């Protein structure tokens, strides 16, 4: 089930209310693992404790123990740009169906924060999920780029 227009507007208001640009986690790709779950989860940091979950829930929540994903180097977009992309992604991907292999929290978070819709966890099974061999979703990048070029070109990577 997708996000309604009202839910998207509520999420955007929550992103604005919970965001703290002074936090080192603000606008950064974050990951965490639940004790009972063998997979890693991904989202976008809003503050030291608030994260926007880009998974099935697609909403903000608190997880102070989430870690900033390292090793992104120059592909990491600036935090303010990442937060802007997060807000727009809610409109673009409101009705995309989440599934563990083909379109998940890692694909969406990495697309928002690095412009690469990649999932390293599903990469070994790329052929089952209709991904590229690198683990990239085949259409998400193009769809997001087209949308941003029309409504918010300042959020495109340079």
N, C-alpha and C. Protein backbone atom coordinates (compact mmCIF):
# COMPACT_ATOMS: atom_id res chain seq x y z
N UNK A 1 0.84 -1.17 0.00
CA UNK A 1 0.00 0.00 0.00
C UNK A 1 0.89 1.25 0.00
N UNK A 2 0.51 2.22 -0.76
CA UNK A 2 1.31 3.43 -0.88
C UNK A 2 1.01 4.46 0.19
N UNK A 3 1.75 5.53 0.13
CA UNK A 3 1.54 6.65 1.04
C UNK A 3 0.51 7.60 0.43
N UNK A 4 -0.43 8.05 1.23
CA UNK A 4 -1.41 9.03 0.75
C UNK A 4 -0.76 10.41 0.73
N UNK A 5 -1.39 11.34 0.05
CA UNK A 5 -0.89 12.72 0.00
C UNK A 5 -0.80 13.29 1.42
N UNK A 6 -1.78 13.01 2.24
CA UNK A 6 -1.79 13.50 3.62
C UNK A 6 -0.62 12.91 4.41
N UNK A 7 -0.37 11.61 4.25
CA UNK A 7 0.74 10.98 4.96
C UNK A 7 2.08 11.57 4.52
N UNK A 8 2.21 11.82 3.23
CA UNK A 8 3.46 12.41 2.72
C UNK A 8 3.67 13.78 3.34
N UNK A 9 2.63 14.59 3.36
CA UNK A 9 2.74 15.92 3.95
C UNK A 9 3.07 15.84 5.45
N UNK A 10 2.48 14.87 6.15
CA UNK A 10 2.79 14.69 7.57
C UNK A 10 4.25 14.27 7.77
N UNK A 11 4.74 13.38 6.92
CA UNK A 11 6.13 12.94 7.01
C UNK A 11 7.09 14.09 6.73
N UNK A 12 6.77 14.91 5.76
CA UNK A 12 7.63 16.06 5.45
C UNK A 12 7.65 17.03 6.63
N UNK A 13 6.49 17.26 7.23
CA UNK A 13 6.44 18.13 8.42
C UNK A 13 7.26 17.52 9.56
N UNK A 14 7.20 16.22 9.72
CA UNK A 14 7.99 15.55 10.77
C UNK A 14 9.48 15.65 10.48
N UNK A 15 9.86 15.50 9.22
CA UNK A 15 11.28 15.65 8.84
C UNK A 15 11.76 17.04 9.23
N UNK A 16 10.97 18.05 8.89
CA UNK A 16 11.34 19.43 9.24
C UNK A 16 11.43 19.62 10.74
N UNK A 17 10.47 19.07 11.48
CA UNK A 17 10.43 19.26 12.93
C UNK A 17 11.57 18.52 13.64
N UNK A 18 11.96 17.36 13.15
CA UNK A 18 12.97 16.53 13.81
C UNK A 18 14.40 16.81 13.36
N UNK A 19 14.54 17.55 12.27
CA UNK A 19 15.88 17.77 11.72
C UNK A 19 16.71 18.72 12.56
N UNK A 20 17.98 18.34 12.70
CA UNK A 20 18.95 19.17 13.42
C UNK A 20 20.21 19.24 12.56
N UNK A 21 20.36 20.31 11.75
CA UNK A 21 21.52 20.42 10.88
C UNK A 21 22.86 20.43 11.61
N UNK A 22 22.87 20.67 12.92
CA UNK A 22 24.13 20.65 13.68
C UNK A 22 24.57 19.23 14.03
N UNK A 23 23.71 18.26 13.84
CA UNK A 23 24.04 16.88 14.18
C UNK A 23 24.95 16.27 13.11
N UNK A 24 25.94 15.49 13.51
CA UNK A 24 26.80 14.81 12.53
C UNK A 24 26.05 13.70 11.75
N UNK A 25 24.87 13.33 12.22
CA UNK A 25 24.07 12.32 11.52
C UNK A 25 23.06 12.94 10.54
N UNK A 26 22.87 14.24 10.61
CA UNK A 26 21.90 14.94 9.76
C UNK A 26 22.25 14.76 8.29
N UNK A 27 21.28 14.28 7.53
CA UNK A 27 21.45 14.14 6.09
C UNK A 27 22.45 13.07 5.69
N UNK A 28 22.75 12.16 6.57
CA UNK A 28 23.73 11.10 6.29
C UNK A 28 23.03 9.75 6.16
N UNK A 29 23.63 8.88 5.39
CA UNK A 29 23.17 7.51 5.27
C UNK A 29 23.52 6.77 6.55
N UNK A 30 22.50 6.21 7.21
CA UNK A 30 22.69 5.50 8.48
C UNK A 30 22.29 4.04 8.32
N UNK A 31 22.88 3.20 9.16
CA UNK A 31 22.50 1.78 9.17
C UNK A 31 22.40 1.30 10.61
N UNK A 32 21.63 0.25 10.80
CA UNK A 32 21.47 -0.38 12.10
C UNK A 32 20.99 -1.81 11.89
N UNK A 33 21.14 -2.59 12.94
CA UNK A 33 20.70 -3.97 12.88
C UNK A 33 19.89 -4.28 14.13
N UNK A 34 18.73 -4.86 13.95
CA UNK A 34 17.92 -5.28 15.08
C UNK A 34 18.47 -6.61 15.61
N UNK A 35 18.43 -6.81 16.92
CA UNK A 35 19.03 -8.02 17.50
C UNK A 35 18.47 -9.33 16.94
N UNK A 36 17.24 -9.37 16.59
CA UNK A 36 16.60 -10.59 16.11
C UNK A 36 16.63 -10.72 14.59
N UNK A 37 17.24 -9.78 13.92
CA UNK A 37 17.17 -9.71 12.46
C UNK A 37 18.57 -9.80 11.86
N UNK A 38 18.81 -10.71 10.93
CA UNK A 38 20.15 -10.86 10.36
C UNK A 38 20.51 -9.80 9.31
N UNK A 39 19.53 -9.01 8.85
CA UNK A 39 19.82 -8.03 7.80
C UNK A 39 20.07 -6.65 8.40
N UNK A 40 20.78 -5.84 7.64
CA UNK A 40 21.01 -4.45 8.02
C UNK A 40 19.88 -3.60 7.48
N UNK A 41 19.53 -2.56 8.22
CA UNK A 41 18.49 -1.62 7.82
C UNK A 41 19.14 -0.26 7.58
N UNK A 42 18.52 0.51 6.68
CA UNK A 42 19.10 1.79 6.27
C UNK A 42 18.05 2.89 6.32
N UNK A 43 18.53 4.09 6.57
CA UNK A 43 17.67 5.26 6.58
C UNK A 43 18.52 6.52 6.49
N UNK A 44 17.86 7.65 6.58
CA UNK A 44 18.52 8.95 6.48
C UNK A 44 18.44 9.63 7.84
N UNK A 45 19.59 10.06 8.35
CA UNK A 45 19.65 10.72 9.64
C UNK A 45 19.01 12.09 9.62
N UNK A 46 18.25 12.38 10.67
CA UNK A 46 17.63 13.70 10.84
C UNK A 46 18.29 14.46 11.98
N UNK A 47 18.75 13.72 12.99
CA UNK A 47 19.41 14.32 14.16
C UNK A 47 20.25 13.23 14.81
N UNK A 48 20.73 13.49 16.02
CA UNK A 48 21.51 12.48 16.74
C UNK A 48 20.69 11.23 17.05
N UNK A 49 19.38 11.39 17.19
CA UNK A 49 18.55 10.23 17.54
C UNK A 49 17.46 9.91 16.52
N UNK A 50 17.05 10.87 15.71
CA UNK A 50 15.95 10.66 14.77
C UNK A 50 16.47 10.23 13.40
N UNK A 51 15.78 9.24 12.85
CA UNK A 51 16.11 8.69 11.53
C UNK A 51 14.82 8.64 10.73
N UNK A 52 14.94 8.82 9.43
CA UNK A 52 13.80 8.52 8.56
C UNK A 52 14.04 7.14 7.99
N UNK A 53 13.14 6.22 8.32
CA UNK A 53 13.22 4.84 7.85
C UNK A 53 12.72 4.79 6.41
N UNK A 54 13.59 4.41 5.50
CA UNK A 54 13.21 4.32 4.09
C UNK A 54 12.74 2.93 3.71
N UNK A 55 12.48 2.10 4.70
CA UNK A 55 11.99 0.75 4.46
C UNK A 55 10.48 0.71 4.37
N UNK A 56 9.94 -0.41 4.75
CA UNK A 56 8.51 -0.63 4.64
C UNK A 56 7.69 0.40 5.40
N UNK A 57 8.19 0.88 6.53
CA UNK A 57 7.44 1.82 7.35
C UNK A 57 7.43 3.23 6.78
N UNK A 58 8.51 3.63 6.15
CA UNK A 58 8.68 4.97 5.58
C UNK A 58 8.16 6.06 6.51
N UNK A 59 8.85 6.19 7.66
CA UNK A 59 8.46 7.20 8.64
C UNK A 59 9.65 7.47 9.55
N UNK A 60 9.62 8.60 10.27
CA UNK A 60 10.69 8.88 11.23
C UNK A 60 10.52 8.06 12.50
N UNK A 61 11.64 7.74 13.13
CA UNK A 61 11.63 7.05 14.41
C UNK A 61 12.95 7.35 15.11
N UNK A 62 13.07 6.92 16.34
CA UNK A 62 14.29 7.18 17.11
C UNK A 62 15.16 5.93 17.21
N UNK A 63 16.44 6.11 16.95
CA UNK A 63 17.42 5.02 17.08
C UNK A 63 18.78 5.68 17.28
N UNK A 64 19.11 6.07 18.52
CA UNK A 64 20.38 6.75 18.76
C UNK A 64 21.60 5.90 18.41
N UNK A 65 21.45 4.58 18.39
CA UNK A 65 22.60 3.71 18.13
C UNK A 65 22.91 3.51 16.65
N UNK A 66 22.12 4.07 15.75
CA UNK A 66 22.39 3.92 14.32
C UNK A 66 23.74 4.56 13.99
N UNK A 67 24.42 3.96 13.03
CA UNK A 67 25.76 4.42 12.65
C UNK A 67 25.76 5.07 11.28
N UNK A 68 26.61 6.05 11.12
CA UNK A 68 26.81 6.65 9.80
C UNK A 68 27.57 5.64 8.94
N UNK A 69 27.09 5.42 7.72
CA UNK A 69 27.76 4.51 6.80
C UNK A 69 29.04 5.19 6.33
N UNK A 70 30.15 4.51 6.50
CA UNK A 70 31.45 5.07 6.11
C UNK A 70 31.86 4.56 4.73
N UNK A 71 32.90 5.16 4.20
CA UNK A 71 33.45 4.73 2.92
C UNK A 71 32.72 5.27 1.71
N UNK A 72 31.87 6.27 1.90
CA UNK A 72 31.13 6.81 0.76
C UNK A 72 31.95 7.83 -0.03
N UNK A 73 32.93 8.43 0.64
CA UNK A 73 33.81 9.38 -0.04
C UNK A 73 33.06 10.47 -0.77
N UNK A 74 33.48 10.70 -2.00
CA UNK A 74 32.93 11.80 -2.79
C UNK A 74 31.53 11.55 -3.32
N UNK A 75 31.02 10.31 -3.23
CA UNK A 75 29.67 10.08 -3.74
C UNK A 75 28.59 10.51 -2.75
N UNK A 76 28.95 10.74 -1.50
CA UNK A 76 27.96 11.21 -0.52
C UNK A 76 27.57 12.64 -0.87
N UNK A 77 26.28 12.88 -0.96
CA UNK A 77 25.78 14.22 -1.27
C UNK A 77 25.78 15.06 0.00
N UNK A 78 25.81 16.39 -0.13
CA UNK A 78 25.77 17.25 1.05
C UNK A 78 24.49 17.00 1.86
N UNK A 79 24.57 17.10 3.18
CA UNK A 79 23.41 16.78 4.03
C UNK A 79 22.13 17.52 3.67
N UNK A 80 22.20 18.82 3.43
CA UNK A 80 20.98 19.58 3.12
C UNK A 80 20.35 19.09 1.81
N UNK A 81 21.18 18.76 0.85
CA UNK A 81 20.69 18.23 -0.42
C UNK A 81 20.04 16.86 -0.19
N UNK A 82 20.65 16.05 0.65
CA UNK A 82 20.11 14.72 0.96
C UNK A 82 18.72 14.84 1.60
N UNK A 83 18.56 15.77 2.54
CA UNK A 83 17.26 15.96 3.18
C UNK A 83 16.22 16.43 2.16
N UNK A 84 16.60 17.32 1.27
CA UNK A 84 15.68 17.75 0.21
C UNK A 84 15.28 16.58 -0.68
N UNK A 85 16.24 15.75 -1.02
CA UNK A 85 15.96 14.57 -1.86
C UNK A 85 15.06 13.58 -1.12
N UNK A 86 15.26 13.45 0.20
CA UNK A 86 14.41 12.58 1.00
C UNK A 86 12.95 13.01 0.88
N UNK A 87 12.70 14.30 1.06
CA UNK A 87 11.33 14.80 0.99
C UNK A 87 10.70 14.53 -0.37
N UNK A 88 11.45 14.78 -1.43
CA UNK A 88 10.92 14.55 -2.78
C UNK A 88 10.74 13.06 -3.07
N UNK A 89 11.59 12.23 -2.49
CA UNK A 89 11.47 10.79 -2.73
C UNK A 89 10.14 10.24 -2.23
N UNK A 90 9.58 10.87 -1.21
CA UNK A 90 8.29 10.42 -0.69
C UNK A 90 7.20 10.53 -1.76
N UNK A 91 7.26 11.59 -2.56
CA UNK A 91 6.29 11.74 -3.65
C UNK A 91 6.56 10.76 -4.78
N UNK A 92 7.82 10.66 -5.16
CA UNK A 92 8.19 9.83 -6.32
C UNK A 92 7.92 8.35 -6.08
N UNK A 93 8.28 7.87 -4.90
CA UNK A 93 8.21 6.44 -4.64
C UNK A 93 7.05 6.05 -3.71
N UNK A 94 6.04 6.90 -3.63
CA UNK A 94 4.91 6.68 -2.72
C UNK A 94 4.22 5.34 -2.94
N UNK A 95 4.18 4.87 -4.16
CA UNK A 95 3.46 3.63 -4.46
C UNK A 95 4.36 2.49 -4.91
N UNK A 96 5.66 2.66 -4.77
CA UNK A 96 6.56 1.56 -5.12
C UNK A 96 6.44 0.48 -4.06
N UNK A 97 6.35 -0.73 -4.52
CA UNK A 97 6.18 -1.85 -3.60
C UNK A 97 7.52 -2.30 -3.02
N UNK A 98 7.61 -2.28 -1.72
CA UNK A 98 8.81 -2.70 -1.01
C UNK A 98 8.92 -4.22 -1.05
N UNK A 99 10.12 -4.70 -1.31
CA UNK A 99 10.40 -6.12 -1.09
C UNK A 99 11.88 -6.28 -0.76
N UNK A 100 12.20 -7.32 -0.05
CA UNK A 100 13.54 -7.49 0.47
C UNK A 100 14.62 -7.46 -0.61
N UNK A 101 14.41 -8.09 -1.73
CA UNK A 101 15.46 -8.17 -2.74
C UNK A 101 15.44 -7.02 -3.74
N UNK A 102 14.28 -6.72 -4.31
CA UNK A 102 14.24 -5.84 -5.47
C UNK A 102 14.13 -4.35 -5.22
N UNK A 103 13.47 -3.95 -4.15
CA UNK A 103 13.33 -2.52 -3.83
C UNK A 103 13.18 -2.40 -2.32
N UNK A 104 14.26 -2.03 -1.66
CA UNK A 104 14.23 -2.04 -0.20
C UNK A 104 14.85 -0.76 0.37
N UNK A 105 14.98 -0.73 1.69
CA UNK A 105 15.47 0.47 2.38
C UNK A 105 16.88 0.86 1.94
N UNK A 106 17.71 -0.11 1.64
CA UNK A 106 19.07 0.21 1.21
C UNK A 106 19.07 0.85 -0.18
N UNK A 107 18.26 0.31 -1.10
CA UNK A 107 18.16 0.91 -2.43
C UNK A 107 17.76 2.38 -2.32
N UNK A 108 16.67 2.63 -1.59
CA UNK A 108 16.14 3.99 -1.51
C UNK A 108 17.08 4.92 -0.75
N UNK A 109 17.61 4.49 0.38
CA UNK A 109 18.52 5.35 1.15
C UNK A 109 19.75 5.72 0.35
N UNK A 110 20.33 4.75 -0.31
CA UNK A 110 21.54 5.03 -1.10
C UNK A 110 21.21 5.93 -2.30
N UNK A 111 20.05 5.76 -2.90
CA UNK A 111 19.65 6.65 -4.00
C UNK A 111 19.53 8.09 -3.49
N UNK A 112 18.93 8.27 -2.34
CA UNK A 112 18.76 9.60 -1.77
C UNK A 112 20.10 10.23 -1.40
N UNK A 113 20.96 9.46 -0.73
CA UNK A 113 22.20 10.01 -0.16
C UNK A 113 23.40 9.98 -1.09
N UNK A 114 23.38 9.10 -2.11
CA UNK A 114 24.56 8.97 -2.99
C UNK A 114 24.22 9.00 -4.48
N UNK A 115 22.95 8.98 -4.81
CA UNK A 115 22.47 8.93 -6.19
C UNK A 115 22.69 7.56 -6.84
N UNK A 116 22.92 6.54 -6.03
CA UNK A 116 23.06 5.17 -6.52
C UNK A 116 22.01 4.29 -5.84
N UNK A 117 21.04 3.74 -6.59
CA UNK A 117 20.01 2.88 -5.98
C UNK A 117 20.53 1.46 -5.77
N UNK A 118 21.51 1.32 -4.92
CA UNK A 118 22.25 0.07 -4.77
C UNK A 118 21.92 -0.62 -3.44
N UNK A 119 21.89 -1.94 -3.50
CA UNK A 119 21.74 -2.74 -2.29
C UNK A 119 22.81 -3.82 -2.31
N UNK A 120 23.77 -3.68 -1.42
CA UNK A 120 24.84 -4.67 -1.34
C UNK A 120 24.34 -5.99 -0.77
N UNK A 121 23.30 -5.95 0.03
CA UNK A 121 22.78 -7.18 0.63
C UNK A 121 22.07 -8.07 -0.38
N UNK A 122 21.42 -7.47 -1.38
CA UNK A 122 20.73 -8.29 -2.38
C UNK A 122 21.55 -8.50 -3.64
N UNK A 123 22.73 -7.89 -3.69
CA UNK A 123 23.58 -8.03 -4.87
C UNK A 123 23.91 -9.47 -5.22
N UNK A 124 24.18 -10.36 -4.26
CA UNK A 124 24.48 -11.74 -4.64
C UNK A 124 23.34 -12.44 -5.39
N UNK A 125 22.12 -11.94 -5.22
CA UNK A 125 20.96 -12.53 -5.90
C UNK A 125 20.39 -11.57 -6.94
N UNK A 126 21.23 -10.74 -7.52
CA UNK A 126 20.80 -9.69 -8.45
C UNK A 126 19.90 -10.23 -9.56
N UNK A 127 20.20 -11.39 -10.07
CA UNK A 127 19.46 -11.96 -11.20
C UNK A 127 18.05 -12.39 -10.80
N UNK A 128 17.82 -12.70 -9.52
CA UNK A 128 16.48 -13.05 -9.04
C UNK A 128 15.60 -11.81 -8.87
N UNK A 129 16.22 -10.69 -8.60
CA UNK A 129 15.47 -9.47 -8.28
C UNK A 129 15.45 -8.46 -9.42
N UNK A 130 15.94 -8.85 -10.58
CA UNK A 130 15.98 -7.95 -11.74
C UNK A 130 16.79 -6.69 -11.45
N UNK A 131 17.93 -6.88 -10.80
CA UNK A 131 18.86 -5.80 -10.53
C UNK A 131 20.03 -5.88 -11.49
N UNK A 132 20.87 -4.87 -11.49
CA UNK A 132 22.12 -4.97 -12.24
C UNK A 132 23.07 -5.86 -11.43
N UNK A 133 24.13 -6.37 -12.02
CA UNK A 133 25.08 -7.18 -11.25
C UNK A 133 25.70 -6.43 -10.06
N UNK A 134 25.71 -5.09 -10.10
CA UNK A 134 26.22 -4.31 -8.97
C UNK A 134 25.21 -4.20 -7.83
N UNK A 135 23.98 -4.66 -8.06
CA UNK A 135 22.93 -4.56 -7.04
C UNK A 135 22.06 -3.33 -7.17
N UNK A 136 22.18 -2.62 -8.30
CA UNK A 136 21.39 -1.41 -8.52
C UNK A 136 20.00 -1.75 -9.06
N UNK A 137 19.00 -1.01 -8.58
CA UNK A 137 17.67 -1.11 -9.15
C UNK A 137 17.74 -0.53 -10.56
N UNK A 138 17.12 -1.15 -11.52
CA UNK A 138 17.31 -0.77 -12.92
C UNK A 138 16.61 0.52 -13.34
N UNK A 139 15.53 0.91 -12.68
CA UNK A 139 14.80 2.10 -13.14
C UNK A 139 14.73 3.24 -12.12
N UNK A 140 14.99 2.98 -10.87
CA UNK A 140 14.80 3.99 -9.82
C UNK A 140 15.60 5.26 -10.08
N UNK A 141 16.85 5.11 -10.47
CA UNK A 141 17.70 6.28 -10.71
C UNK A 141 17.10 7.17 -11.80
N UNK A 142 16.71 6.57 -12.88
CA UNK A 142 16.15 7.31 -14.02
C UNK A 142 14.85 8.02 -13.61
N UNK A 143 13.98 7.32 -12.92
CA UNK A 143 12.70 7.90 -12.49
C UNK A 143 12.95 9.10 -11.56
N UNK A 144 13.86 8.94 -10.60
CA UNK A 144 14.13 10.01 -9.65
C UNK A 144 14.80 11.20 -10.34
N UNK A 145 15.76 10.94 -11.21
CA UNK A 145 16.44 12.01 -11.95
C UNK A 145 15.45 12.81 -12.79
N UNK A 146 14.55 12.13 -13.49
CA UNK A 146 13.56 12.83 -14.31
C UNK A 146 12.67 13.73 -13.46
N UNK A 147 12.21 13.20 -12.34
CA UNK A 147 11.36 13.98 -11.44
C UNK A 147 12.11 15.22 -10.92
N UNK A 148 13.30 15.00 -10.38
CA UNK A 148 14.06 16.13 -9.82
C UNK A 148 14.41 17.16 -10.88
N UNK A 149 14.72 16.74 -12.07
CA UNK A 149 15.09 17.70 -13.12
C UNK A 149 13.92 18.63 -13.45
N UNK A 150 12.70 18.17 -13.22
CA UNK A 150 11.53 18.99 -13.49
C UNK A 150 11.11 19.87 -12.31
N UNK A 151 11.23 19.35 -11.08
CA UNK A 151 10.69 20.09 -9.94
C UNK A 151 11.74 20.66 -8.98
N UNK A 152 12.93 20.07 -8.95
CA UNK A 152 13.96 20.54 -8.02
C UNK A 152 15.36 20.24 -8.58
N UNK A 153 15.72 20.85 -9.70
CA UNK A 153 17.02 20.53 -10.31
C UNK A 153 18.22 20.83 -9.40
N UNK A 154 18.04 21.69 -8.41
CA UNK A 154 19.14 21.99 -7.48
C UNK A 154 19.49 20.77 -6.61
N UNK A 155 18.63 19.77 -6.59
CA UNK A 155 18.89 18.56 -5.80
C UNK A 155 19.56 17.45 -6.60
N UNK A 156 19.80 17.71 -7.86
CA UNK A 156 20.55 16.74 -8.68
C UNK A 156 22.02 16.84 -8.31
N UNK A 157 22.75 15.71 -8.37
CA UNK A 157 24.20 15.80 -8.11
C UNK A 157 24.87 16.67 -9.17
N UNK A 158 25.96 17.28 -8.82
CA UNK A 158 26.67 18.14 -9.79
C UNK A 158 27.36 17.33 -10.83
